[in-house]
Amino acid sequence: MKLCIKGGLILNPATNLMGVGDLWVSRDQIATLDMERESYGMIPPGNMEGVTVIDATGKLVVPGFIDLHVHLREPGFTEKETIESGSEAAARGGFTTICCMPNTSPAIDSTEVLDFISWKAAKNNGVRVLPVAAMSLGQEGKELAPLNEMAGYSGPWSRMMGKGICGISEDGKSLVDARLALDAMKKAKELSLPVFSHAEDPALPGAALGEALMMARDIRLAQEAGCRLHFCHVSTAEGVELIREARKQGLPVTGETAPHYFTLTDQDGKGNPDFKMNPPLRTEKDREAIIEGLKDGTLSAIATDHAPHTREDKAGGYEKAANGIVGLETSFPLGYTHLVEKGRLELMELVGRMTRGPAEILGIPVGDLSPGRVADVVVMDVEQPFRVDREQFASKGRNTPFEGWSLFGKALFTIVEGRIVWQAPEGNGLIREGEENR
């Protein structure tokens, strides 16, 4: 496919490039950036015949978003979500690459499960699905999963990653056995894989202290193993500081947070099951520390921790309700509306935390609009507000605390490897087919 995304504000955090211009796509690659007085790329736009033009005047054009932390629920919990429905939700939120977490049934702990994910992902809309493998067999914390075999698996994602999995995690809980956790980290070092840590002391479930204690332990174990360590859904001021100090020491430690931790506190939605997640919402002090961590790069990624549940899962009162909220379709709008519009983060910084940061953690060549790179692109409308309506979600999950919120930053077009995989109704008047040159 040949595309010209014309007249938009192009932001590319990978090269710190920003300006109004045209972005040209040939097949699955960025061909040319023609920006104001400078052009980048080897393919002259005038040589591209039969071009589909997207009029992006007044719109934002950025690399496709990358989500390090998504629960697609399949295999095992298809009433909550499927790879297909989760991929559709991802496209509607501007995500072109998502990492699926291993706490499925069965867990992602064998090449057989990778076969299943590969088969299902091949039928989705084109959004790239990268599996995160369980650290222990069945996530039972007793013996290591066959990490060598899974890392050597040849799936549709292997060409980009060079491996059959993008990382390892005991997501949903910590691997409590320190010896087994160290062995897993040593294996991750050997296989050049990041370890995704859900930091929670099971003796202090949901407690800020429990998060900090397990983070401190995992940092020390990772230092011993020499592996890359990435902390999932960081929610506390102390957690941010632990990552900051580890990075000052030169340790390969990174962290992500989720939009609910920079928009909400423990004073919001009390008793409402749609505000229940793990880690739980924290204090205003923690929220401010999370924003500061995003600002200074201590937290180099924003992930959704997209966790769809059925209505029944969230019924029966707050105490009995399942943990988790959906987030793929509201992530960027929440960041734009509540960080950029309020002057807490620059637009380049927000986009970078959703593109360049995650790409560097995974070590994959996406999240970059430079010529020759993979053509994963999103066209966003940041001028017209929209209202969050859970009944319009592509996700099977309706469990959001943001119902009815007015936000800016809707994805109009999501493009994966040069192919449009999502087009919002509002984009219908912006696309013209079959143009022959400029």
Protein backbone atom coordinates (compact mmCIF):
# COMPACT_ATOMS: atom_id res chain seq x y z
CA MET A 1 0.00 0.00 0.00
CA LYS A 2 1.16 3.55 -0.72
CA LEU A 3 0.06 6.30 1.63
CA CYS A 4 0.61 10.00 2.06
CA ILE A 5 -0.39 11.41 5.44
CA LYS A 6 -0.55 15.05 4.49
CA GLY A 7 -0.21 18.26 6.44
CA GLY A 8 -0.18 16.90 9.99
CA LEU A 9 1.94 17.85 12.99
CA ILE A 10 4.53 15.08 12.91
CA LEU A 11 6.21 14.09 16.19
CA ASN A 12 9.02 11.54 16.29
CA PRO A 13 10.51 11.20 19.78
CA ALA A 14 13.18 8.77 18.52
CA THR A 15 14.86 11.67 16.68
CA ASN A 16 13.29 14.58 18.59
CA LEU A 17 11.72 15.74 15.34
CA MET A 18 8.58 17.89 15.32
CA GLY A 19 6.99 19.91 12.56
CA VAL A 20 4.17 20.20 10.07
CA GLY A 21 4.66 18.10 6.96
CA ASP A 22 3.83 15.08 4.86
CA LEU A 23 4.66 11.50 5.74
CA TRP A 24 4.96 9.06 2.83
CA VAL A 25 4.62 5.30 3.21
CA SER A 26 5.64 2.73 0.62
CA ARG A 27 4.58 -0.85 1.33
CA ASP A 28 5.50 -1.49 4.97
CA GLN A 29 8.09 1.26 5.49
CA ILE A 30 8.33 4.99 6.05
CA ALA A 31 9.58 6.30 2.70
CA THR A 32 9.90 10.06 3.12
CA LEU A 33 9.26 12.82 5.61
CA ASP A 34 8.70 16.11 3.80
CA MET A 35 8.63 18.73 6.53
CA GLU A 36 8.45 22.44 5.84
CA ARG A 37 11.90 23.24 4.37
CA GLU A 38 13.57 19.87 4.84
CA SER A 39 13.00 16.41 3.40
CA TYR A 40 14.19 13.11 4.79
CA GLY A 41 14.31 9.82 2.93
CA MET A 42 15.57 8.26 -0.26
CA ILE A 43 12.33 7.75 -2.21
CA PRO A 44 11.09 10.92 -3.97
CA PRO A 45 7.36 11.31 -3.20
CA GLY A 46 6.73 12.24 -6.83
CA ASN A 47 7.66 8.69 -7.89
CA MET A 48 4.90 7.13 -5.84
CA GLU A 49 1.90 6.38 -8.01
CA GLY A 50 -1.58 5.34 -6.93
CA VAL A 51 -1.26 6.95 -3.50
CA THR A 52 -3.97 6.96 -0.85
CA VAL A 53 -3.98 10.37 0.83
CA ILE A 54 -5.03 11.06 4.41
CA ASP A 55 -5.61 14.76 5.02
CA ALA A 56 -4.08 15.23 8.48
CA THR A 57 -4.30 19.01 8.54
CA GLY A 58 -4.72 20.07 12.17
CA LYS A 59 -4.11 16.49 13.34
CA LEU A 60 -1.25 14.83 15.20
CA VAL A 61 0.87 12.19 13.42
CA VAL A 62 2.97 9.97 15.69
CA PRO A 63 4.53 6.50 15.78
CA GLY A 64 2.19 3.65 16.65
CA PHE A 65 1.89 3.20 20.40
CA ILE A 66 3.46 0.21 22.16
CA ASP A 67 1.85 -1.30 25.25
CA LEU A 68 4.12 -3.40 27.45
CA HIS A 69 1.33 -4.76 29.63
CA VAL A 70 -1.93 -6.16 28.26
CA HIS A 71 -4.13 -9.00 29.49
CA LEU A 72 -5.74 -10.60 26.44
CA ARG A 73 -7.17 -13.38 28.67
CA GLU A 74 -6.85 -16.00 25.91
CA PRO A 75 -6.37 -18.93 26.24
CA GLY A 76 -8.80 -19.71 29.03
CA PHE A 77 -10.95 -16.66 29.78
CA THR A 78 -12.58 -15.76 26.49
CA GLU A 79 -15.68 -14.43 28.24
CA LYS A 80 -13.46 -11.55 29.43
CA GLU A 81 -11.43 -10.88 26.28
CA THR A 82 -9.96 -12.60 23.24
CA ILE A 83 -6.86 -11.93 21.18
CA GLU A 84 -9.20 -10.67 18.46
CA SER A 85 -11.25 -8.30 20.63
CA GLY A 86 -8.18 -7.08 22.51
CA SER A 87 -6.38 -6.37 19.26
CA GLU A 88 -9.39 -4.40 18.02
CA ALA A 89 -9.40 -2.36 21.23
CA ALA A 90 -5.68 -1.76 20.81
CA ALA A 91 -6.11 -0.44 17.26
CA ARG A 92 -8.87 1.92 18.37
CA GLY A 93 -6.53 3.30 21.02
CA GLY A 94 -3.68 3.84 18.56
CA PHE A 95 -1.63 0.81 19.64
CA THR A 96 0.22 -1.09 16.94
CA THR A 97 2.22 -3.41 19.26
CA ILE A 98 0.97 -5.01 22.49
CA CYS A 99 2.64 -7.43 24.90
CA CYS A 100 0.29 -10.11 26.23
CA MET A 101 0.89 -11.19 29.81
CA PRO A 102 1.18 -14.87 30.81
CA ASN A 103 -1.49 -15.31 33.48
CA THR A 104 -3.83 -17.13 31.13
CA SER A 105 -5.16 -20.69 31.45
CA PRO A 106 -2.99 -22.49 30.61
CA ALA A 107 -0.26 -19.98 31.34
CA ILE A 108 2.15 -18.95 28.60
CA ASP A 109 4.68 -21.56 29.70
CA SER A 110 5.18 -23.79 26.63
CA THR A 111 5.68 -23.68 22.89
CA GLU A 112 2.23 -25.25 22.56
CA VAL A 113 0.66 -22.11 24.05
CA LEU A 114 2.85 -19.99 21.77
CA ASP A 115 1.49 -22.02 18.85
CA PHE A 116 -2.03 -21.11 19.96
CA ILE A 117 -1.22 -17.40 20.32
CA SER A 118 0.50 -17.42 16.94
CA TRP A 119 -2.54 -19.01 15.30
CA LYS A 120 -5.00 -16.59 16.93
CA ALA A 121 -2.86 -13.50 16.33
CA ALA A 122 -2.60 -14.38 12.63
CA LYS A 123 -6.39 -13.95 12.43
CA ASN A 124 -6.54 -10.57 14.14
CA ASN A 125 -6.61 -7.13 12.55
CA GLY A 126 -2.84 -6.82 12.15
CA VAL A 127 -1.91 -5.38 15.55
CA ARG A 128 1.38 -6.97 16.60
CA VAL A 129 0.97 -9.33 19.59
CA LEU A 130 4.19 -10.15 21.48
CA PRO A 131 4.00 -12.88 24.15
CA VAL A 132 5.52 -12.47 27.61
CA ALA A 133 6.34 -15.92 29.01
CA ALA A 134 5.76 -17.14 32.55
CA MET A 135 8.88 -17.42 34.70
CA SER A 136 7.71 -20.60 36.42
CA LEU A 137 5.85 -23.60 35.09
CA GLY A 138 2.12 -22.95 35.42
CA GLN A 139 3.03 -19.81 37.39
CA GLU A 140 3.13 -22.09 40.42
CA GLY A 141 6.50 -20.80 41.66
CA LYS A 142 8.04 -24.27 41.95
CA GLU A 143 10.21 -24.77 38.85
CA LEU A 144 11.28 -22.70 35.90
CA ALA A 145 9.23 -22.77 32.73
CA PRO A 146 11.10 -24.04 29.63
CA LEU A 147 12.51 -20.62 28.82
CA ASN A 148 15.12 -21.85 26.32
CA GLU A 149 12.48 -23.56 24.21
CA MET A 150 10.13 -20.58 24.27
CA ALA A 151 12.90 -18.10 23.46
CA GLY A 152 13.85 -20.28 20.48
CA TYR A 153 10.27 -20.54 19.20
CA SER A 154 9.68 -19.27 15.66
CA GLY A 155 6.51 -17.19 15.61
CA PRO A 156 5.22 -14.33 13.44
CA TRP A 157 6.89 -11.89 15.83
CA SER A 158 10.31 -13.62 15.80
CA ARG A 159 11.55 -11.78 12.72
CA MET A 160 11.33 -8.50 14.61
CA MET A 161 12.44 -9.69 18.05
CA GLY A 162 14.85 -12.45 17.09
CA LYS A 163 13.17 -14.57 19.78
CA GLY A 164 9.95 -16.40 20.45
CA ILE A 165 9.04 -14.26 23.48
CA CYS A 166 9.62 -10.62 24.35
CA GLY A 167 10.27 -11.08 28.07
CA ILE A 168 9.48 -13.18 31.12
CA SER A 169 7.20 -12.42 34.06
CA GLU A 170 5.23 -13.98 36.88
CA ASP A 171 2.67 -11.31 36.23
CA GLY A 172 -0.23 -11.06 38.63
CA LYS A 173 2.11 -11.89 41.50
CA SER A 174 5.77 -11.97 42.45
CA LEU A 175 7.96 -15.05 42.20
CA VAL A 176 8.42 -15.36 45.95
CA ASP A 177 11.18 -18.02 46.02
CA ALA A 178 14.32 -15.86 45.84
CA ARG A 179 16.50 -18.72 44.60
CA LEU A 180 14.09 -19.52 41.76
CA ALA A 181 13.72 -15.81 40.93
CA LEU A 182 17.53 -15.50 40.73
CA ASP A 183 17.73 -18.56 38.48
CA ALA A 184 15.07 -17.05 36.21
CA MET A 185 16.95 -13.75 36.06
CA LYS A 186 20.20 -15.53 35.19
CA LYS A 187 18.38 -17.35 32.40
CA ALA A 188 16.93 -14.02 31.21
CA LYS A 189 20.46 -12.61 31.09
CA GLU A 190 21.63 -15.61 29.06
CA LEU A 191 18.73 -15.21 26.61
CA SER A 192 18.96 -11.38 26.45
CA LEU A 193 15.39 -10.99 27.70
CA PRO A 194 13.97 -8.40 30.09
CA VAL A 195 12.33 -9.53 33.33
CA PHE A 196 8.94 -7.90 33.92
CA SER A 197 8.40 -7.70 37.67
CA HIS A 198 5.01 -7.51 39.35
CA ALA A 199 6.40 -6.32 42.68
CA GLU A 200 4.15 -7.36 45.56
CA ASP A 201 5.00 -9.04 48.84
CA PRO A 202 2.22 -11.64 49.33
CA ALA A 203 2.37 -11.06 53.07
CA LEU A 204 1.42 -7.42 52.44
CA PRO A 205 -1.03 -7.67 49.53
CA GLY A 206 -1.75 -4.34 47.89
CA ALA A 207 0.30 -2.41 50.44
CA ALA A 208 2.67 0.34 49.33
CA LEU A 209 5.29 -1.14 51.67
CA GLY A 210 4.88 -4.54 50.03
CA GLU A 211 5.52 -3.05 46.61
CA ALA A 212 8.67 -1.29 47.79
CA LEU A 213 10.05 -4.34 49.63
CA MET A 214 9.69 -6.61 46.60
CA MET A 215 11.12 -3.96 44.28
CA ALA A 216 14.18 -3.63 46.50
CA ARG A 217 14.63 -7.42 46.52
CA ASP A 218 14.27 -7.73 42.76
CA ILE A 219 16.74 -4.91 42.12
CA ARG A 220 19.32 -6.71 44.24
CA LEU A 221 18.65 -10.06 42.54
CA ALA A 222 18.85 -8.48 39.10
CA GLN A 223 22.13 -6.84 40.04
CA GLU A 224 23.47 -10.27 41.02
CA ALA A 225 22.19 -11.86 37.80
CA GLY A 226 23.21 -8.98 35.55
CA CYS A 227 19.86 -8.97 33.76
CA ARG A 228 17.57 -6.21 32.54
CA LEU A 229 14.75 -5.58 35.03
CA HIS A 230 11.51 -3.80 34.22
CA PHE A 231 8.93 -2.94 36.88
CA CYS A 232 5.28 -3.19 35.89
CA HIS A 233 2.54 -0.75 36.99
CA VAL A 234 4.62 1.30 39.45
CA SER A 235 2.20 3.07 41.78
CA THR A 236 4.16 4.52 44.71
CA ALA A 237 6.55 7.39 45.41
CA GLU A 238 8.97 4.97 47.05
CA GLY A 239 8.88 2.72 44.00
CA VAL A 240 9.79 5.64 41.72
CA GLU A 241 12.67 6.53 43.99
CA LEU A 242 13.99 2.96 44.05
CA ILE A 243 14.12 2.93 40.25
CA ARG A 244 15.71 6.38 40.19
CA GLU A 245 18.47 5.29 42.56
CA ALA A 246 19.07 2.04 40.68
CA ARG A 247 19.49 3.95 37.43
CA LYS A 248 21.89 6.38 39.08
CA GLN A 249 24.01 3.34 39.93
CA GLY A 250 24.05 2.39 36.27
CA LEU A 251 21.79 -0.64 36.66
CA PRO A 252 19.60 -1.62 33.66
CA VAL A 253 16.36 -1.03 35.58
CA THR A 254 13.26 0.53 33.99
CA GLY A 255 9.71 1.15 35.06
CA GLU A 256 6.24 1.80 33.69
CA THR A 257 3.13 3.28 35.21
CA ALA A 258 -0.48 3.27 34.04
CA PRO A 259 -2.86 6.18 33.36
CA HIS A 260 -4.99 5.48 36.43
CA TYR A 261 -1.99 6.13 38.68
CA PHE A 262 -1.45 9.64 37.30
CA THR A 263 -5.15 10.57 37.08
CA LEU A 264 -6.74 9.05 40.20
CA THR A 265 -6.04 8.61 43.92
CA ASP A 266 -7.41 6.47 46.73
CA GLN A 267 -9.96 9.23 47.40
CA ASP A 268 -11.68 8.60 44.07
CA GLY A 269 -14.51 6.14 43.52
CA LYS A 270 -14.54 4.70 47.02
CA GLY A 271 -16.54 1.50 47.11
CA ASN A 272 -16.95 1.45 43.31
CA PRO A 273 -15.65 -1.87 41.86
CA ASP A 274 -14.61 -0.11 38.66
CA PHE A 275 -11.96 1.70 40.71
CA LYS A 276 -10.52 -1.55 42.08
CA MET A 277 -7.19 -2.69 40.64
CA ASN A 278 -3.88 -4.15 41.79
CA PRO A 279 -1.80 -2.24 42.74
CA PRO A 280 -4.61 -0.17 44.22
CA LEU A 281 -4.94 3.57 43.81
CA ARG A 282 -2.53 5.44 46.06
CA THR A 283 -2.26 8.84 47.73
CA GLU A 284 -1.96 12.27 46.14
CA LYS A 285 1.73 12.25 47.12
CA ASP A 286 2.20 9.03 45.15
CA ARG A 287 0.32 10.44 42.15
CA GLU A 288 2.57 13.49 42.09
CA ALA A 289 5.68 11.29 42.33
CA ILE A 290 4.45 9.18 39.41
CA ILE A 291 4.07 12.31 37.26
CA GLU A 292 7.51 13.52 38.27
CA GLY A 293 8.93 10.09 37.41
CA LEU A 294 7.41 10.34 33.94
CA LYS A 295 8.74 13.87 33.56
CA ASP A 296 12.34 13.05 34.44
CA GLY A 297 12.39 9.70 32.62
CA THR A 298 12.66 7.50 35.69
CA LEU A 299 9.47 5.91 34.39
CA SER A 300 10.25 5.50 30.69
CA ALA A 301 6.96 3.91 29.66
CA ILE A 302 3.22 4.29 30.06
CA ALA A 303 1.44 0.93 29.87
CA THR A 304 -2.25 0.24 30.32
CA ASP A 305 -2.33 -2.96 32.42
CA HIS A 306 -5.48 -3.56 30.36
CA ALA A 307 -7.43 -6.05 32.50
CA PRO A 308 -10.92 -6.78 31.14
CA HIS A 309 -13.51 -8.51 33.32
CA THR A 310 -17.12 -9.51 32.88
CA ARG A 311 -19.89 -7.57 34.59
CA GLU A 312 -20.31 -10.53 36.96
CA ASP A 313 -16.61 -10.29 37.95
CA LYS A 314 -17.23 -6.75 39.13
CA ALA A 315 -20.57 -7.45 40.81
CA GLY A 316 -21.24 -8.37 44.43
CA GLY A 317 -19.61 -5.36 46.05
CA TYR A 318 -16.14 -3.88 46.19
CA GLU A 319 -14.52 -6.50 48.40
CA LYS A 320 -15.60 -9.41 46.20
CA ALA A 321 -14.96 -7.67 42.88
CA ALA A 322 -12.05 -8.72 40.68
CA ASN A 323 -9.03 -6.42 40.37
CA GLY A 324 -8.43 -4.56 37.13
CA ILE A 325 -9.71 -2.05 34.61
CA VAL A 326 -9.61 -1.78 30.82
CA GLY A 327 -7.31 0.84 29.34
CA LEU A 328 -6.37 0.38 25.69
CA GLU A 329 -9.02 2.77 24.36
CA THR A 330 -8.45 5.57 26.89
CA SER A 331 -4.68 5.58 27.51
CA PHE A 332 -3.39 8.31 25.20
CA PRO A 333 -6.46 10.53 25.69
CA LEU A 334 -5.97 10.42 29.46
CA GLY A 335 -2.29 11.29 29.08
CA TYR A 336 -2.96 14.11 26.64
CA THR A 337 -5.87 15.60 28.60
CA HIS A 338 -4.46 15.26 32.10
CA LEU A 339 -0.72 15.63 31.55
CA VAL A 340 -0.11 17.64 28.36
CA GLU A 341 -3.13 19.95 28.55
CA LYS A 342 -2.42 20.64 32.22
CA GLY A 343 1.24 21.44 31.54
CA ARG A 344 2.65 18.50 33.47
CA LEU A 345 4.32 16.81 30.48
CA GLU A 346 5.41 18.01 27.06
CA LEU A 347 3.64 16.37 24.12
CA MET A 348 6.97 14.96 22.90
CA GLU A 349 7.52 13.42 26.33
CA LEU A 350 4.08 11.80 26.44
CA VAL A 351 4.41 10.32 22.96
CA GLY A 352 7.93 9.16 23.83
CA ARG A 353 6.71 7.28 26.90
CA MET A 354 4.26 5.41 24.66
CA THR A 355 6.64 4.75 21.73
CA ARG A 356 10.38 5.18 22.07
CA GLY A 357 10.53 4.16 25.75
CA PRO A 358 8.70 0.84 25.35
CA ALA A 359 10.57 0.06 22.11
CA GLU A 360 13.91 0.49 23.86
CA ILE A 361 12.83 -1.74 26.75
CA LEU A 362 11.84 -4.48 24.30
CA GLY A 363 14.76 -3.85 21.96
CA ILE A 364 12.58 -3.77 18.83
CA PRO A 365 12.90 -1.48 15.77
CA VAL A 366 9.50 0.22 15.96
CA GLY A 367 8.23 3.44 17.54
CA ASP A 368 10.23 5.55 15.06
CA LEU A 369 9.00 7.50 12.01
CA SER A 370 12.44 7.78 10.40
CA PRO A 371 12.64 6.78 6.72
CA GLY A 372 13.36 3.08 6.33
CA ARG A 373 11.62 2.20 9.59
CA VAL A 374 8.49 0.07 9.94
CA ALA A 375 5.43 2.12 8.99
CA ASP A 376 3.51 1.98 12.27
CA VAL A 377 1.69 5.30 12.44
CA VAL A 378 -1.24 6.88 14.27
CA VAL A 379 -3.21 9.97 13.26
CA MET A 380 -4.82 11.58 16.30
CA ASP A 381 -7.43 14.30 16.78
CA VAL A 382 -6.42 16.40 19.78
CA GLU A 383 -8.78 19.29 19.02
CA GLN A 384 -12.25 17.77 19.33
CA PRO A 385 -13.27 16.31 22.70
CA PHE A 386 -15.08 13.01 22.98
CA ARG A 387 -16.93 11.38 25.86
CA VAL A 388 -15.88 7.97 27.17
CA ASP A 389 -18.71 5.52 26.58
CA ARG A 390 -17.98 2.00 27.78
CA GLU A 391 -20.76 0.57 25.65
CA GLN A 392 -18.86 1.63 22.55
CA PHE A 393 -15.62 -0.15 23.52
CA ALA A 394 -14.22 -2.78 21.17
CA SER A 395 -12.93 -4.61 24.25
CA LYS A 396 -15.28 -7.10 25.85
CA GLY A 397 -14.51 -5.39 29.15
CA ARG A 398 -16.68 -2.53 30.36
CA ASN A 399 -14.80 -2.06 33.64
CA THR A 400 -13.53 1.51 33.44
CA PRO A 401 -13.48 4.25 36.09
CA PHE A 402 -13.44 6.86 33.31
CA GLU A 403 -17.03 6.42 32.10
CA GLY A 404 -18.44 9.78 31.01
CA TRP A 405 -15.11 11.64 31.14
CA SER A 406 -14.54 14.23 28.41
CA LEU A 407 -11.13 13.67 26.80
CA PHE A 408 -9.01 14.84 23.87
CA GLY A 409 -6.87 12.58 21.72
CA LYS A 410 -8.96 10.14 19.72
CA ALA A 411 -7.23 7.87 17.19
CA LEU A 412 -8.62 8.51 13.71
CA PHE A 413 -6.30 6.15 11.81
CA THR A 414 -4.08 3.36 13.08
CA ILE A 415 -1.58 1.98 10.56
CA VAL A 416 0.47 -1.19 11.05
CA GLU A 417 3.26 -1.93 8.57
CA GLY A 418 1.71 0.46 6.07
CA ARG A 419 -1.81 -0.94 6.30
CA ILE A 420 -4.77 0.90 7.85
CA VAL A 421 -6.12 -1.39 10.59
CA TRP A 422 -8.46 1.13 12.22
CA GLN A 423 -10.31 4.10 10.79
CA ALA A 424 -12.68 6.04 13.04
CA PRO A 425 -15.96 7.26 11.52
CA GLU A 426 -14.64 10.80 11.92
CA GLY A 427 -11.83 9.92 9.51
CA ASN A 428 -14.11 9.10 6.60
CA GLY A 429 -13.97 12.61 5.15
CA LEU A 430 -10.18 12.81 5.47
CA ILE A 431 -9.19 10.00 3.08
CA ARG A 432 -8.91 10.10 -0.69
CA GLU A 433 -8.10 7.07 -2.80
CA GLY A 434 -6.02 6.71 -5.94
CA GLU A 435 -4.17 10.03 -6.11
CA GLU A 436 -1.27 10.01 -8.57
CA ASN A 437 1.45 12.21 -7.04
CA ARG A 438 1.40 15.54 -5.30
